[in-house]
């Protein structure tokens, strides 16, 4: 019976050897489809999207709101220049990317904002007054 740890270690060594011999980044074969990673959360007033985009600046990004309930983010991650050196390993993706999200709810499109800080893009979508929770006063009939 083969030791599971030994099998994993052997697979990792094989992958490293393939990377070295063929100059191929096999780690990308198991990368999740949704890239860059996104977290979406909300409070009573806003919906927030947090997108991991390290190394990008706002000029590398385009953000659109369509029909009040769809958000798309497009961008490009440029290849790192290494001068006279040669790559030993490349795991960071490069090139164009896009993500689109169908959002439930109604948003004030004119007040959508985006901030890029320390590689984290935060898009804030203010909820329209019609969908914000409202406290209903209960009246007594006594």
C-alpha atoms as a PDB file:
ATOM      1  CA  UNK A   1       0.000   0.000   0.000  1.00  0.00           C
ATOM      2  CA  UNK A   2       1.391   3.426  -0.997  1.00  0.00           C
ATOM      3  CA  UNK A   3       1.812   6.125   1.626  1.00  0.00           C
ATOM      4  CA  UNK A   4      -0.455   9.096   0.697  1.00  0.00           C
ATOM      5  CA  UNK A   5       2.167  11.634   1.772  1.00  0.00           C
ATOM      6  CA  UNK A   6       4.755   9.871  -0.364  1.00  0.00           C
ATOM      7  CA  UNK A   7       2.424   9.892  -3.399  1.00  0.00           C
ATOM      8  CA  UNK A   8       1.738  13.621  -3.000  1.00  0.00           C
ATOM      9  CA  UNK A   9       5.439  14.358  -2.605  1.00  0.00           C
ATOM     10  CA  UNK A  10       6.187  12.344  -5.759  1.00  0.00           C
ATOM     11  CA  UNK A  11       3.497  14.227  -7.717  1.00  0.00           C
ATOM     12  CA  UNK A  12       4.914  17.568  -6.552  1.00  0.00           C
ATOM     13  CA  UNK A  13       8.425  16.529  -7.603  1.00  0.00           C
ATOM     14  CA  UNK A  14       7.096  15.400 -11.008  1.00  0.00           C
ATOM     15  CA  UNK A  15       5.298  18.706 -11.493  1.00  0.00           C
ATOM     16  CA  UNK A  16       8.423  20.663 -10.543  1.00  0.00           C
ATOM     17  CA  UNK A  17      10.471  18.590 -12.983  1.00  0.00           C
ATOM     18  CA  UNK A  18       7.956  19.197 -15.807  1.00  0.00           C
ATOM     19  CA  UNK A  19       8.059  22.915 -15.028  1.00  0.00           C
ATOM     20  CA  UNK A  20      11.853  22.896 -15.188  1.00  0.00           C
ATOM     21  CA  UNK A  21      12.273  20.746 -18.324  1.00  0.00           C
ATOM     22  CA  UNK A  22       9.472  22.184 -20.467  1.00  0.00           C
ATOM     23  CA  UNK A  23       9.215  25.684 -19.017  1.00  0.00           C
ATOM     24  CA  UNK A  24       5.498  25.102 -18.423  1.00  0.00           C
ATOM     25  CA  UNK A  25       3.615  26.298 -15.366  1.00  0.00           C
ATOM     26  CA  UNK A  26       1.596  23.173 -14.529  1.00  0.00           C
ATOM     27  CA  UNK A  27       0.289  24.780 -11.330  1.00  0.00           C
ATOM     28  CA  UNK A  28      -2.027  26.854 -13.580  1.00  0.00           C
ATOM     29  CA  UNK A  29      -3.791  23.620 -14.587  1.00  0.00           C
ATOM     30  CA  UNK A  30      -5.449  23.473 -11.167  1.00  0.00           C
ATOM     31  CA  UNK A  31      -6.083  27.220 -10.771  1.00  0.00           C
ATOM     32  CA  UNK A  32      -9.763  28.007 -10.114  1.00  0.00           C
ATOM     33  CA  UNK A  33     -11.752  29.403 -13.038  1.00  0.00           C
ATOM     34  CA  UNK A  34     -12.808  32.590 -11.257  1.00  0.00           C
ATOM     35  CA  UNK A  35      -9.827  34.851 -11.442  1.00  0.00           C
ATOM     36  CA  UNK A  36      -9.162  37.247  -9.834  1.00  0.00           C
ATOM     37  CA  UNK A  37     -10.808  36.085  -6.611  1.00  0.00           C
ATOM     38  CA  UNK A  38     -13.830  38.113  -5.447  1.00  0.00           C
ATOM     39  CA  UNK A  39     -15.695  38.477  -2.158  1.00  0.00           C
ATOM     40  CA  UNK A  40     -19.204  39.976  -2.199  1.00  0.00           C
ATOM     41  CA  UNK A  41     -20.982  41.170   0.934  1.00  0.00           C
ATOM     42  CA  UNK A  42     -23.634  43.682   1.953  1.00  0.00           C
ATOM     43  CA  UNK A  43     -25.003  45.745   4.775  1.00  0.00           C
ATOM     44  CA  UNK A  44     -28.283  47.683   4.982  1.00  0.00           C
ATOM     45  CA  UNK A  45     -27.063  50.491   2.714  1.00  0.00           C
ATOM     46  CA  UNK A  46     -24.550  49.017   0.242  1.00  0.00           C
ATOM     47  CA  UNK A  47     -23.358  45.951  -1.626  1.00  0.00           C
ATOM     48  CA  UNK A  48     -19.571  45.542  -1.717  1.00  0.00           C
ATOM     49  CA  UNK A  49     -17.301  43.647  -4.065  1.00  0.00           C
ATOM     50  CA  UNK A  50     -13.715  43.106  -3.017  1.00  0.00           C
ATOM     51  CA  UNK A  51     -11.398  41.958  -5.808  1.00  0.00           C
ATOM     52  CA  UNK A  52      -7.777  40.852  -5.369  1.00  0.00           C
ATOM     53  CA  UNK A  53      -5.681  42.664  -8.001  1.00  0.00           C
ATOM     54  CA  UNK A  54      -2.133  43.002  -6.619  1.00  0.00           C
ATOM     55  CA  UNK A  55       0.240  45.031  -8.768  1.00  0.00           C
ATOM     56  CA  UNK A  56      -2.529  46.735 -10.772  1.00  0.00           C
ATOM     57  CA  UNK A  57      -3.342  50.438 -10.898  1.00  0.00           C
ATOM     58  CA  UNK A  58      -6.731  51.982 -11.719  1.00  0.00           C
ATOM     59  CA  UNK A  59      -5.605  52.585 -15.331  1.00  0.00           C
ATOM     60  CA  UNK A  60      -5.397  48.776 -15.717  1.00  0.00           C
ATOM     61  CA  UNK A  61      -9.073  48.336 -14.721  1.00  0.00           C
ATOM     62  CA  UNK A  62     -12.508  49.057 -16.220  1.00  0.00           C
ATOM     63  CA  UNK A  63     -15.673  48.751 -14.157  1.00  0.00           C
ATOM     64  CA  UNK A  64     -19.173  48.908 -15.654  1.00  0.00           C
ATOM     65  CA  UNK A  65     -22.701  48.682 -14.265  1.00  0.00           C
ATOM     66  CA  UNK A  66     -25.268  47.425 -16.784  1.00  0.00           C
ATOM     67  CA  UNK A  67     -29.054  47.636 -16.406  1.00  0.00           C
ATOM     68  CA  UNK A  68     -28.719  48.521 -12.723  1.00  0.00           C
ATOM     69  CA  UNK A  69     -28.111  44.909 -11.644  1.00  0.00           C
ATOM     70  CA  UNK A  70     -25.034  43.639 -13.471  1.00  0.00           C
ATOM     71  CA  UNK A  71     -21.443  44.579 -12.693  1.00  0.00           C
ATOM     72  CA  UNK A  72     -18.473  43.769 -14.905  1.00  0.00           C
ATOM     73  CA  UNK A  73     -14.802  44.195 -14.128  1.00  0.00           C
ATOM     74  CA  UNK A  74     -12.168  44.010 -16.853  1.00  0.00           C
ATOM     75  CA  UNK A  75      -8.455  44.425 -16.505  1.00  0.00           C
ATOM     76  CA  UNK A  76      -5.004  43.513 -17.664  1.00  0.00           C
ATOM     77  CA  UNK A  77      -2.089  42.230 -15.647  1.00  0.00           C
ATOM     78  CA  UNK A  78       1.114  43.038 -17.455  1.00  0.00           C
ATOM     79  CA  UNK A  79       4.092  40.697 -17.582  1.00  0.00           C
ATOM     80  CA  UNK A  80       6.823  41.471 -15.073  1.00  0.00           C
ATOM     81  CA  UNK A  81      10.038  42.639 -16.735  1.00  0.00           C
ATOM     82  CA  UNK A  82      13.065  40.807 -15.348  1.00  0.00           C
ATOM     83  CA  UNK A  83      15.758  42.251 -17.626  1.00  0.00           C
ATOM     84  CA  UNK A  84      18.606  39.857 -18.356  1.00  0.00           C
ATOM     85  CA  UNK A  85      17.409  37.199 -15.903  1.00  0.00           C
ATOM     86  CA  UNK A  86      15.431  34.044 -16.647  1.00  0.00           C
ATOM     87  CA  UNK A  87      12.308  32.741 -15.008  1.00  0.00           C
ATOM     88  CA  UNK A  88      12.628  29.891 -12.517  1.00  0.00           C
ATOM     89  CA  UNK A  89       8.889  29.742 -11.780  1.00  0.00           C
ATOM     90  CA  UNK A  90       5.847  31.749 -12.874  1.00  0.00           C
ATOM     91  CA  UNK A  91       2.653  31.267 -10.883  1.00  0.00           C
ATOM     92  CA  UNK A  92       1.109  34.728 -11.114  1.00  0.00           C
ATOM     93  CA  UNK A  93      -1.285  35.009 -14.016  1.00  0.00           C
ATOM     94  CA  UNK A  94      -0.861  37.704 -16.654  1.00  0.00           C
ATOM     95  CA  UNK A  95      -2.898  39.030 -19.520  1.00  0.00           C
ATOM     96  CA  UNK A  96      -6.488  40.206 -19.760  1.00  0.00           C
ATOM     97  CA  UNK A  97      -9.224  39.095 -17.408  1.00  0.00           C
ATOM     98  CA  UNK A  98     -12.904  39.834 -16.916  1.00  0.00           C
ATOM     99  CA  UNK A  99     -15.546  38.957 -14.364  1.00  0.00           C
ATOM    100  CA  UNK A 100     -19.267  39.683 -14.526  1.00  0.00           C
ATOM    101  CA  UNK A 101     -21.822  39.426 -11.754  1.00  0.00           C
ATOM    102  CA  UNK A 102     -25.618  39.436 -11.896  1.00  0.00           C
ATOM    103  CA  UNK A 103     -26.615  41.205  -8.711  1.00  0.00           C
ATOM    104  CA  UNK A 104     -29.962  40.852  -7.025  1.00  0.00           C
ATOM    105  CA  UNK A 105     -31.316  44.177  -5.936  1.00  0.00           C
ATOM    106  CA  UNK A 106     -31.653  47.702  -7.210  1.00  0.00           C
ATOM    107  CA  UNK A 107     -28.712  50.099  -6.955  1.00  0.00           C
ATOM    108  CA  UNK A 108     -28.157  53.807  -7.334  1.00  0.00           C
ATOM    109  CA  UNK A 109     -25.920  53.550 -10.405  1.00  0.00           C
ATOM    110  CA  UNK A 110     -24.886  57.219 -10.259  1.00  0.00           C
ATOM    111  CA  UNK A 111     -23.332  56.721  -6.819  1.00  0.00           C
ATOM    112  CA  UNK A 112     -21.305  53.527  -7.463  1.00  0.00           C
ATOM    113  CA  UNK A 113     -17.678  54.031  -6.406  1.00  0.00           C
ATOM    114  CA  UNK A 114     -14.426  52.082  -6.588  1.00  0.00           C
ATOM    115  CA  UNK A 115     -11.244  52.313  -4.547  1.00  0.00           C
ATOM    116  CA  UNK A 116      -7.945  50.498  -5.098  1.00  0.00           C
ATOM    117  CA  UNK A 117      -5.786  50.179  -1.994  1.00  0.00           C
ATOM    118  CA  UNK A 118      -2.917  47.762  -1.322  1.00  0.00           C
ATOM    119  CA  UNK A 119      -3.939  45.460  -4.201  1.00  0.00           C
ATOM    120  CA  UNK A 120      -7.574  45.231  -3.121  1.00  0.00           C
ATOM    121  CA  UNK A 121     -10.229  46.806  -5.341  1.00  0.00           C
ATOM    122  CA  UNK A 122     -13.395  47.636  -3.406  1.00  0.00           C
ATOM    123  CA  UNK A 123     -16.497  48.492  -5.433  1.00  0.00           C
ATOM    124  CA  UNK A 124     -19.347  50.012  -3.419  1.00  0.00           C
ATOM    125  CA  UNK A 125     -22.865  49.854  -4.865  1.00  0.00           C
ATOM    126  CA  UNK A 126     -25.316  51.961  -2.820  1.00  0.00           C
ATOM    127  CA  UNK A 127     -28.766  50.388  -2.563  1.00  0.00           C
ATOM    128  CA  UNK A 128     -31.671  52.423  -3.850  1.00  0.00           C
ATOM    129  CA  UNK A 129     -34.105  53.688  -1.233  1.00  0.00           C
ATOM    130  CA  UNK A 130     -36.782  51.302  -2.558  1.00  0.00           C
ATOM    131  CA  UNK A 131     -34.844  48.188  -1.509  1.00  0.00           C
ATOM    132  CA  UNK A 132     -33.360  49.407   1.772  1.00  0.00           C
ATOM    133  CA  UNK A 133     -34.923  47.888   4.881  1.00  0.00           C
ATOM    134  CA  UNK A 134     -37.427  50.139   6.605  1.00  0.00           C
ATOM    135  CA  UNK A 135     -38.708  49.809  10.107  1.00  0.00           C
ATOM    136  CA  UNK A 136     -42.483  49.703  10.195  1.00  0.00           C
ATOM    137  CA  UNK A 137     -44.111  51.329  13.185  1.00  0.00           C
ATOM    138  CA  UNK A 138     -46.744  49.168  14.775  1.00  0.00           C
ATOM    139  CA  UNK A 139     -49.765  51.128  16.035  1.00  0.00           C
ATOM    140  CA  UNK A 140     -51.898  49.963  18.868  1.00  0.00           C
ATOM    141  CA  UNK A 141     -55.641  49.827  18.353  1.00  0.00           C
ATOM    142  CA  UNK A 142     -56.378  50.147  22.072  1.00  0.00           C
END
